[in-house]
N, C-alpha and C. Protein backbone atom coordinates (compact mmCIF):
# COMPACT_ATOMS: atom_id res chain seq x y z
N MET A 1 0.92 -1.26 -0.12
CA MET A 1 -0.03 -0.02 0.07
C MET A 1 0.99 1.25 -0.05
N ASN A 2 0.25 2.23 -0.81
CA ASN A 2 1.32 3.40 -0.79
C ASN A 2 1.01 4.27 0.33
N ARG A 3 1.70 5.47 0.82
CA ARG A 3 1.64 6.23 2.00
C ARG A 3 0.36 6.62 2.29
N LYS A 4 -0.43 7.51 1.28
CA LYS A 4 -1.55 7.94 1.41
C LYS A 4 -2.71 6.86 2.09
N THR A 5 -2.53 5.63 1.36
CA THR A 5 -3.64 4.71 1.64
C THR A 5 -3.57 4.18 3.32
N VAL A 6 -2.10 4.34 3.63
CA VAL A 6 -1.80 3.88 5.19
C VAL A 6 -2.29 4.85 5.96
N GLU A 7 -2.22 6.23 5.75
CA GLU A 7 -2.83 7.32 6.24
C GLU A 7 -4.38 7.38 6.60
N VAL A 8 -4.90 7.09 5.25
CA VAL A 8 -6.39 6.96 5.29
C VAL A 8 -6.76 5.72 6.21
N PHE A 9 -6.20 4.73 6.29
CA PHE A 9 -6.60 3.27 7.03
C PHE A 9 -6.22 3.96 8.44
N ASN A 10 -5.31 4.59 8.84
CA ASN A 10 -4.88 5.03 10.23
C ASN A 10 -6.07 6.05 10.67
N GLN A 11 -6.43 6.82 9.80
CA GLN A 11 -7.59 7.67 10.38
C GLN A 11 -8.90 6.81 10.36
N VAL A 12 -9.18 5.72 9.71
CA VAL A 12 -10.42 4.88 10.02
C VAL A 12 -10.25 4.27 11.54
N PHE A 13 -8.67 4.01 11.88
CA PHE A 13 -8.89 3.27 13.11
C PHE A 13 -8.78 4.16 14.21
N THR A 14 -8.41 5.35 14.18
CA THR A 14 -7.94 6.22 15.09
C THR A 14 -9.52 6.93 15.48
N THR A 15 -10.16 7.48 14.08
CA THR A 15 -11.31 8.37 14.46
C THR A 15 -12.70 7.24 14.62
N GLY A 16 -12.50 6.53 13.56
CA GLY A 16 -13.75 5.44 13.35
C GLY A 16 -14.92 6.37 12.93
N SER A 17 -14.39 7.37 11.93
CA SER A 17 -15.44 8.16 11.27
C SER A 17 -15.40 7.56 9.58
N VAL A 18 -16.60 6.77 9.37
CA VAL A 18 -16.53 6.10 8.36
C VAL A 18 -17.03 7.03 7.15
N SER A 19 -17.87 7.95 7.57
CA SER A 19 -18.57 8.94 6.84
C SER A 19 -17.38 9.81 6.10
N LYS A 20 -16.42 10.19 7.29
CA LYS A 20 -15.42 11.20 6.79
C LYS A 20 -14.27 10.64 5.82
N VAL A 21 -14.05 9.38 6.19
CA VAL A 21 -12.99 8.68 5.34
C VAL A 21 -13.54 8.33 4.02
N THR A 22 -15.09 7.93 3.79
CA THR A 22 -15.68 8.00 2.82
C THR A 22 -15.86 9.11 1.84
N GLY A 23 -15.83 10.35 2.51
CA GLY A 23 -15.80 11.54 1.70
C GLY A 23 -14.38 11.56 1.19
N GLU A 24 -13.56 11.27 1.89
CA GLU A 24 -12.05 11.65 1.35
C GLU A 24 -11.72 10.72 0.51
N LEU A 25 -12.35 9.36 0.37
CA LEU A 25 -12.06 8.70 -0.67
C LEU A 25 -12.87 9.10 -1.98
N GLU A 26 -13.98 9.68 -1.81
CA GLU A 26 -14.74 10.09 -2.88
C GLU A 26 -14.11 11.38 -3.78
N ALA A 27 -13.47 12.24 -2.78
CA ALA A 27 -12.56 13.18 -3.20
C ALA A 27 -11.52 12.91 -3.99
N ILE A 28 -10.88 11.86 -3.36
CA ILE A 28 -9.66 10.97 -4.02
C ILE A 28 -10.01 10.72 -5.63
N ALA A 29 -11.03 9.91 -5.54
CA ALA A 29 -11.73 9.33 -6.77
C ALA A 29 -12.22 10.43 -7.96
N SER A 30 -12.45 11.65 -7.29
CA SER A 30 -12.82 12.76 -8.16
C SER A 30 -11.64 13.17 -9.07
N TYR A 31 -10.57 13.22 -8.46
CA TYR A 31 -9.36 13.72 -9.19
C TYR A 31 -9.04 13.28 -10.71
């Protein structure tokens, strides 16, 4: 996994905010 992916997973485990991560993934996909 690349560094960005690891950061996203870390946010998932630390914040547990699924909606926030989903929003970031959608933002990444929109690029």
